[in-house]
Amino acid sequence: SVAPGRLDPGWVREFVALAHREDLQVFALPHLPFPTPDLPVDRTIPLPVSPLEWYAWIRNASGFVGEARHPIVAAAASATPFLSVDTCAPAPLGLPAWFRSTTRTLCRDLGQSERCVPPHALHTHPPRWALDALRHFDADSVSRHVTRARRQILRTLADALGIGTVEIAAHGARGPCAASA
């Protein structure tokens, strides 16, 4: 889930080839408001996608690589391994944007700072590193951080899904993912 032009197609091709060696497929999930990028992946999820379908793609994935905060929150809330290509914040005064990014802050708060890399870092982080990072994801650690930051995570997830509130069953809610307006 990235905007067009953010990822080098050669990097993506190598990532897909490595994923195939592990019997995984790679899908491109739309990153609105941008058009779906033309990436060399197995399948591009077509628009329109409802918010709950979007969440289900992330929740049921073996891993997620993307750039925006909302899908990283969705991945963390569902314990889906993630890697954030952090392009969210502008870079005023020439300072690196990722030092002030809300996505970077989220990853730090989840104890996953190493999973949040600026786009230029992909030149030094090869696809093998990305696949290994997804494979060695500490879901228990992320779940503990999500539990501590439950209210903020649920608020962001509800915003991403376009609903009023979200409660997660593991935390005493009304259902597996019950929503109310």
C-alpha atoms as a PDB file:
ATOM      1  CA  SER A   1       0.000   0.000   0.000  1.00  0.00           C
ATOM      2  CA  VAL A   2       2.064   2.876  -1.321  1.00  0.00           C
ATOM      3  CA  ALA A   3       1.535   5.874  -3.538  1.00  0.00           C
ATOM      4  CA  PRO A   4       2.770   5.635  -7.125  1.00  0.00           C
ATOM      5  CA  GLY A   5       6.501   6.199  -7.527  1.00  0.00           C
ATOM      6  CA  ARG A   6       7.409   5.528  -3.883  1.00  0.00           C
ATOM      7  CA  LEU A   7       8.942   2.084  -4.418  1.00  0.00           C
ATOM      8  CA  ASP A   8      11.507   1.138  -7.015  1.00  0.00           C
ATOM      9  CA  PRO A   9       9.946  -1.507  -9.301  1.00  0.00           C
ATOM     10  CA  GLY A  10      13.233  -3.469  -9.215  1.00  0.00           C
ATOM     11  CA  TRP A  11      13.066  -3.617  -5.403  1.00  0.00           C
ATOM     12  CA  VAL A  12       9.445  -4.804  -5.630  1.00  0.00           C
ATOM     13  CA  ARG A  13      10.318  -7.454  -8.269  1.00  0.00           C
ATOM     14  CA  GLU A  14      13.056  -8.857  -6.035  1.00  0.00           C
ATOM     15  CA  PHE A  15      10.729  -8.800  -2.993  1.00  0.00           C
ATOM     16  CA  VAL A  16       8.041 -10.681  -4.972  1.00  0.00           C
ATOM     17  CA  ALA A  17      10.578 -13.283  -6.195  1.00  0.00           C
ATOM     18  CA  LEU A  18      11.735 -13.888  -2.601  1.00  0.00           C
ATOM     19  CA  ALA A  19       8.132 -14.135  -1.399  1.00  0.00           C
ATOM     20  CA  HIS A  20       7.363 -16.692  -4.120  1.00  0.00           C
ATOM     21  CA  ARG A  21      10.267 -18.857  -2.904  1.00  0.00           C
ATOM     22  CA  GLU A  22       8.428 -18.992   0.427  1.00  0.00           C
ATOM     23  CA  ASP A  23       5.074 -19.805  -1.233  1.00  0.00           C
ATOM     24  CA  LEU A  24       3.714 -16.310  -0.585  1.00  0.00           C
ATOM     25  CA  GLN A  25       1.873 -14.013  -2.965  1.00  0.00           C
ATOM     26  CA  VAL A  26       2.195 -10.229  -3.014  1.00  0.00           C
ATOM     27  CA  PHE A  27      -0.846  -8.014  -3.491  1.00  0.00           C
ATOM     28  CA  ALA A  28      -1.051  -4.249  -3.997  1.00  0.00           C
ATOM     29  CA  LEU A  29      -3.696  -2.656  -1.790  1.00  0.00           C
ATOM     30  CA  PRO A  30      -5.045   0.745  -2.919  1.00  0.00           C
ATOM     31  CA  HIS A  31      -3.613   3.747  -1.087  1.00  0.00           C
ATOM     32  CA  LEU A  32      -6.289   6.413  -1.427  1.00  0.00           C
ATOM     33  CA  PRO A  33      -6.503   9.097  -2.664  1.00  0.00           C
ATOM     34  CA  PHE A  34      -3.761   7.983  -5.060  1.00  0.00           C
ATOM     35  CA  PRO A  35      -4.391   5.719  -8.034  1.00  0.00           C
ATOM     36  CA  THR A  36      -3.229   2.154  -7.465  1.00  0.00           C
ATOM     37  CA  PRO A  37       0.420   1.999  -8.505  1.00  0.00           C
ATOM     38  CA  ASP A  38       1.435  -0.225 -11.378  1.00  0.00           C
ATOM     39  CA  LEU A  39       3.728  -2.583  -9.480  1.00  0.00           C
ATOM     40  CA  PRO A  40       5.047  -6.002 -10.534  1.00  0.00           C
ATOM     41  CA  VAL A  41       2.928  -7.933  -7.986  1.00  0.00           C
ATOM     42  CA  ASP A  42       0.707 -11.024  -8.177  1.00  0.00           C
ATOM     43  CA  ARG A  43      -2.539  -9.116  -7.869  1.00  0.00           C
ATOM     44  CA  THR A  44      -3.734  -5.556  -7.467  1.00  0.00           C
ATOM     45  CA  ILE A  45      -6.817  -5.240  -5.282  1.00  0.00           C
ATOM     46  CA  PRO A  46      -9.355  -3.348  -7.413  1.00  0.00           C
ATOM     47  CA  LEU A  47     -11.322  -0.329  -6.330  1.00  0.00           C
ATOM     48  CA  PRO A  48     -13.828   0.181  -4.905  1.00  0.00           C
ATOM     49  CA  VAL A  49     -12.853  -1.419  -1.597  1.00  0.00           C
ATOM     50  CA  SER A  50     -15.066  -0.905   1.442  1.00  0.00           C
ATOM     51  CA  PRO A  51     -13.320   0.074   4.695  1.00  0.00           C
ATOM     52  CA  LEU A  52     -14.052  -3.349   6.201  1.00  0.00           C
ATOM     53  CA  GLU A  53     -12.720  -5.145   3.108  1.00  0.00           C
ATOM     54  CA  TRP A  54      -9.602  -2.973   3.304  1.00  0.00           C
ATOM     55  CA  TYR A  55      -9.154  -3.918   6.961  1.00  0.00           C
ATOM     56  CA  ALA A  56      -9.744  -7.613   6.175  1.00  0.00           C
ATOM     57  CA  TRP A  57      -6.986  -7.583   3.536  1.00  0.00           C
ATOM     58  CA  ILE A  58      -4.552  -6.257   6.132  1.00  0.00           C
ATOM     59  CA  ARG A  59      -5.800  -8.441   8.978  1.00  0.00           C
ATOM     60  CA  ASN A  60      -5.569 -11.644   6.943  1.00  0.00           C
ATOM     61  CA  ALA A  61      -2.213 -10.884   5.332  1.00  0.00           C
ATOM     62  CA  SER A  62       1.002 -12.689   6.226  1.00  0.00           C
ATOM     63  CA  GLY A  63       2.600  -9.245   6.303  1.00  0.00           C
ATOM     64  CA  PHE A  64       2.049  -5.637   5.273  1.00  0.00           C
ATOM     65  CA  VAL A  65       4.432  -3.107   3.713  1.00  0.00           C
ATOM     66  CA  GLY A  66       3.002   0.380   3.394  1.00  0.00           C
ATOM     67  CA  GLU A  67       3.482   4.042   4.015  1.00  0.00           C
ATOM     68  CA  ALA A  68       0.456   5.495   5.785  1.00  0.00           C
ATOM     69  CA  ARG A  69      -0.376   5.504   9.489  1.00  0.00           C
ATOM     70  CA  HIS A  70      -3.894   4.031   9.282  1.00  0.00           C
ATOM     71  CA  PRO A  71      -2.849   0.710   7.707  1.00  0.00           C
ATOM     72  CA  ILE A  72      -0.009   0.391  10.227  1.00  0.00           C
ATOM     73  CA  VAL A  73      -2.587   0.854  13.015  1.00  0.00           C
ATOM     74  CA  ALA A  74      -4.785  -1.800  11.354  1.00  0.00           C
ATOM     75  CA  ALA A  75      -1.815  -4.169  11.093  1.00  0.00           C
ATOM     76  CA  ALA A  76      -0.820  -3.589  14.728  1.00  0.00           C
ATOM     77  CA  ALA A  77      -4.409  -4.004  15.971  1.00  0.00           C
ATOM     78  CA  SER A  78      -4.652  -7.370  14.208  1.00  0.00           C
ATOM     79  CA  ALA A  79      -1.053  -8.486  14.984  1.00  0.00           C
ATOM     80  CA  THR A  80      -0.203  -8.559  11.271  1.00  0.00           C
ATOM     81  CA  PRO A  81       3.548  -8.198  10.688  1.00  0.00           C
ATOM     82  CA  PHE A  82       4.292  -4.803   9.171  1.00  0.00           C
ATOM     83  CA  LEU A  83       7.015  -2.636   7.723  1.00  0.00           C
ATOM     84  CA  SER A  84       6.358   1.082   7.373  1.00  0.00           C
ATOM     85  CA  VAL A  85       7.884   3.053   4.506  1.00  0.00           C
ATOM     86  CA  ASP A  86       7.446   6.368   6.251  1.00  0.00           C
ATOM     87  CA  THR A  87       6.673   9.209   3.840  1.00  0.00           C
ATOM     88  CA  CYS A  88       3.895  10.864   5.869  1.00  0.00           C
ATOM     89  CA  ALA A  89       5.419  14.080   7.194  1.00  0.00           C
ATOM     90  CA  PRO A  90       6.706  17.050   5.218  1.00  0.00           C
ATOM     91  CA  ALA A  91      10.331  18.047   5.634  1.00  0.00           C
ATOM     92  CA  PRO A  92      10.392  21.770   6.509  1.00  0.00           C
ATOM     93  CA  LEU A  93      13.749  23.438   7.073  1.00  0.00           C
ATOM     94  CA  GLY A  94      15.471  20.550   5.340  1.00  0.00           C
ATOM     95  CA  LEU A  95      15.146  18.273   8.373  1.00  0.00           C
ATOM     96  CA  PRO A  96      14.442  14.595   7.701  1.00  0.00           C
ATOM     97  CA  ALA A  97      10.649  14.205   7.847  1.00  0.00           C
ATOM     98  CA  TRP A  98      10.677  10.826   9.533  1.00  0.00           C
ATOM     99  CA  PHE A  99      12.063  12.331  12.769  1.00  0.00           C
ATOM    100  CA  ARG A 100       8.677  14.033  13.331  1.00  0.00           C
ATOM    101  CA  SER A 101       6.324  11.643  11.613  1.00  0.00           C
ATOM    102  CA  THR A 102       3.186  10.385  13.371  1.00  0.00           C
ATOM    103  CA  THR A 103       3.807   7.001  11.730  1.00  0.00           C
ATOM    104  CA  ARG A 104       7.304   6.892  13.192  1.00  0.00           C
ATOM    105  CA  THR A 105       5.900   7.909  16.596  1.00  0.00           C
ATOM    106  CA  LEU A 106       3.336   5.108  16.331  1.00  0.00           C
ATOM    107  CA  CYS A 107       6.014   2.539  15.475  1.00  0.00           C
ATOM    108  CA  ARG A 108       8.139   3.782  18.371  1.00  0.00           C
ATOM    109  CA  ASP A 109       5.174   3.598  20.754  1.00  0.00           C
ATOM    110  CA  LEU A 110       4.575   0.015  19.615  1.00  0.00           C
ATOM    111  CA  GLY A 111       8.208  -0.836  20.339  1.00  0.00           C
ATOM    112  CA  GLN A 112       8.828  -1.304  16.612  1.00  0.00           C
ATOM    113  CA  SER A 113      11.000   1.681  15.622  1.00  0.00           C
ATOM    114  CA  GLU A 114      13.184  -0.527  13.428  1.00  0.00           C
ATOM    115  CA  ARG A 115      10.111  -1.324  11.303  1.00  0.00           C
ATOM    116  CA  CYS A 116       9.669   2.317  10.273  1.00  0.00           C
ATOM    117  CA  VAL A 117      12.122   3.338   7.570  1.00  0.00           C
ATOM    118  CA  PRO A 118      12.250   6.415   5.364  1.00  0.00           C
ATOM    119  CA  PRO A 119      11.933   5.672   1.618  1.00  0.00           C
ATOM    120  CA  HIS A 120      15.605   6.347   0.905  1.00  0.00           C
ATOM    121  CA  ALA A 121      16.521   3.613   3.415  1.00  0.00           C
ATOM    122  CA  LEU A 122      15.127   0.961   1.074  1.00  0.00           C
ATOM    123  CA  HIS A 123      18.310   1.428  -0.950  1.00  0.00           C
ATOM    124  CA  THR A 124      20.227   0.139   2.080  1.00  0.00           C
ATOM    125  CA  HIS A 125      17.503  -2.287   3.229  1.00  0.00           C
ATOM    126  CA  PRO A 126      17.211  -4.921   0.512  1.00  0.00           C
ATOM    127  CA  PRO A 127      14.055  -6.957  -0.073  1.00  0.00           C
ATOM    128  CA  ARG A 128      15.574  -9.894   1.864  1.00  0.00           C
ATOM    129  CA  TRP A 129      15.804  -7.638   4.936  1.00  0.00           C
ATOM    130  CA  ALA A 130      12.142  -6.611   4.507  1.00  0.00           C
ATOM    131  CA  LEU A 131      10.921 -10.196   4.167  1.00  0.00           C
ATOM    132  CA  ASP A 132      13.014 -11.285   7.167  1.00  0.00           C
ATOM    133  CA  ALA A 133      11.618  -8.361   9.205  1.00  0.00           C
ATOM    134  CA  LEU A 134       8.078  -9.496   8.406  1.00  0.00           C
ATOM    135  CA  ARG A 135       8.889 -13.112   9.211  1.00  0.00           C
ATOM    136  CA  HIS A 136      10.479 -12.243  12.585  1.00  0.00           C
ATOM    137  CA  PHE A 137       7.667 -10.026  13.813  1.00  0.00           C
ATOM    138  CA  ASP A 138       7.074 -10.155  17.576  1.00  0.00           C
ATOM    139  CA  ALA A 139       3.264 -10.207  17.639  1.00  0.00           C
ATOM    140  CA  ASP A 140       3.142 -10.682  21.428  1.00  0.00           C
ATOM    141  CA  SER A 141       5.175  -7.536  22.035  1.00  0.00           C
ATOM    142  CA  VAL A 142       3.031  -5.499  19.641  1.00  0.00           C
ATOM    143  CA  SER A 143      -0.157  -6.882  21.235  1.00  0.00           C
ATOM    144  CA  ARG A 144       1.069  -5.770  24.675  1.00  0.00           C
ATOM    145  CA  HIS A 145       1.737  -2.265  23.343  1.00  0.00           C
ATOM    146  CA  VAL A 146      -1.659  -2.188  21.593  1.00  0.00           C
ATOM    147  CA  THR A 147      -3.343  -3.173  24.854  1.00  0.00           C
ATOM    148  CA  ARG A 148      -1.616  -0.289  26.664  1.00  0.00           C
ATOM    149  CA  ALA A 149      -2.510   2.185  23.910  1.00  0.00           C
ATOM    150  CA  ARG A 150      -5.937   0.645  23.291  1.00  0.00           C
ATOM    151  CA  ARG A 151      -7.993   3.824  23.300  1.00  0.00           C
ATOM    152  CA  GLN A 152      -5.741   5.669  20.824  1.00  0.00           C
ATOM    153  CA  ILE A 153      -5.394   2.616  18.555  1.00  0.00           C
ATOM    154  CA  LEU A 154      -9.163   2.051  18.490  1.00  0.00           C
ATOM    155  CA  ARG A 155      -9.848   5.714  17.763  1.00  0.00           C
ATOM    156  CA  THR A 156      -7.446   5.669  14.796  1.00  0.00           C
ATOM    157  CA  LEU A 157      -8.822   2.358  13.538  1.00  0.00           C
ATOM    158  CA  ALA A 158     -12.414   3.657  13.785  1.00  0.00           C
ATOM    159  CA  ASP A 159     -11.351   6.745  11.827  1.00  0.00           C
ATOM    160  CA  ALA A 160      -9.736   4.567   9.144  1.00  0.00           C
ATOM    161  CA  LEU A 161     -12.835   2.378   8.875  1.00  0.00           C
ATOM    162  CA  GLY A 162     -15.181   5.366   8.853  1.00  0.00           C
ATOM    163  CA  ILE A 163     -17.181   4.241  11.878  1.00  0.00           C
ATOM    164  CA  GLY A 164     -17.866   5.684  15.317  1.00  0.00           C
ATOM    165  CA  THR A 165     -16.080   3.286  17.664  1.00  0.00           C
ATOM    166  CA  VAL A 166     -14.377  -0.087  17.511  1.00  0.00           C
ATOM    167  CA  GLU A 167     -14.114  -2.594  20.325  1.00  0.00           C
ATOM    168  CA  ILE A 168     -11.911  -5.673  20.138  1.00  0.00           C
ATOM    169  CA  ALA A 169     -13.210  -8.933  21.654  1.00  0.00           C
ATOM    170  CA  ALA A 170      -9.890  -9.836  23.248  1.00  0.00           C
ATOM    171  CA  HIS A 171     -10.332  -6.751  25.385  1.00  0.00           C
ATOM    172  CA  GLY A 172     -13.879  -7.497  26.597  1.00  0.00           C
ATOM    173  CA  ALA A 173     -15.897  -6.048  23.730  1.00  0.00           C
ATOM    174  CA  ARG A 174     -19.251  -6.966  22.244  1.00  0.00           C
ATOM    175  CA  GLY A 175     -17.911  -9.195  19.456  1.00  0.00           C
ATOM    176  CA  PRO A 176     -14.884 -10.055  17.330  1.00  0.00           C
ATOM    177  CA  CYS A 177     -14.878  -6.553  15.904  1.00  0.00           C
ATOM    178  CA  ALA A 178     -18.102  -4.889  16.931  1.00  0.00           C
ATOM    179  CA  ALA A 179     -18.765  -1.392  15.676  1.00  0.00           C
ATOM    180  CA  SER A 180     -21.200   1.281  16.735  1.00  0.00           C
ATOM    181  CA  ALA A 181     -21.887   4.713  15.335  1.00  0.00           C
END
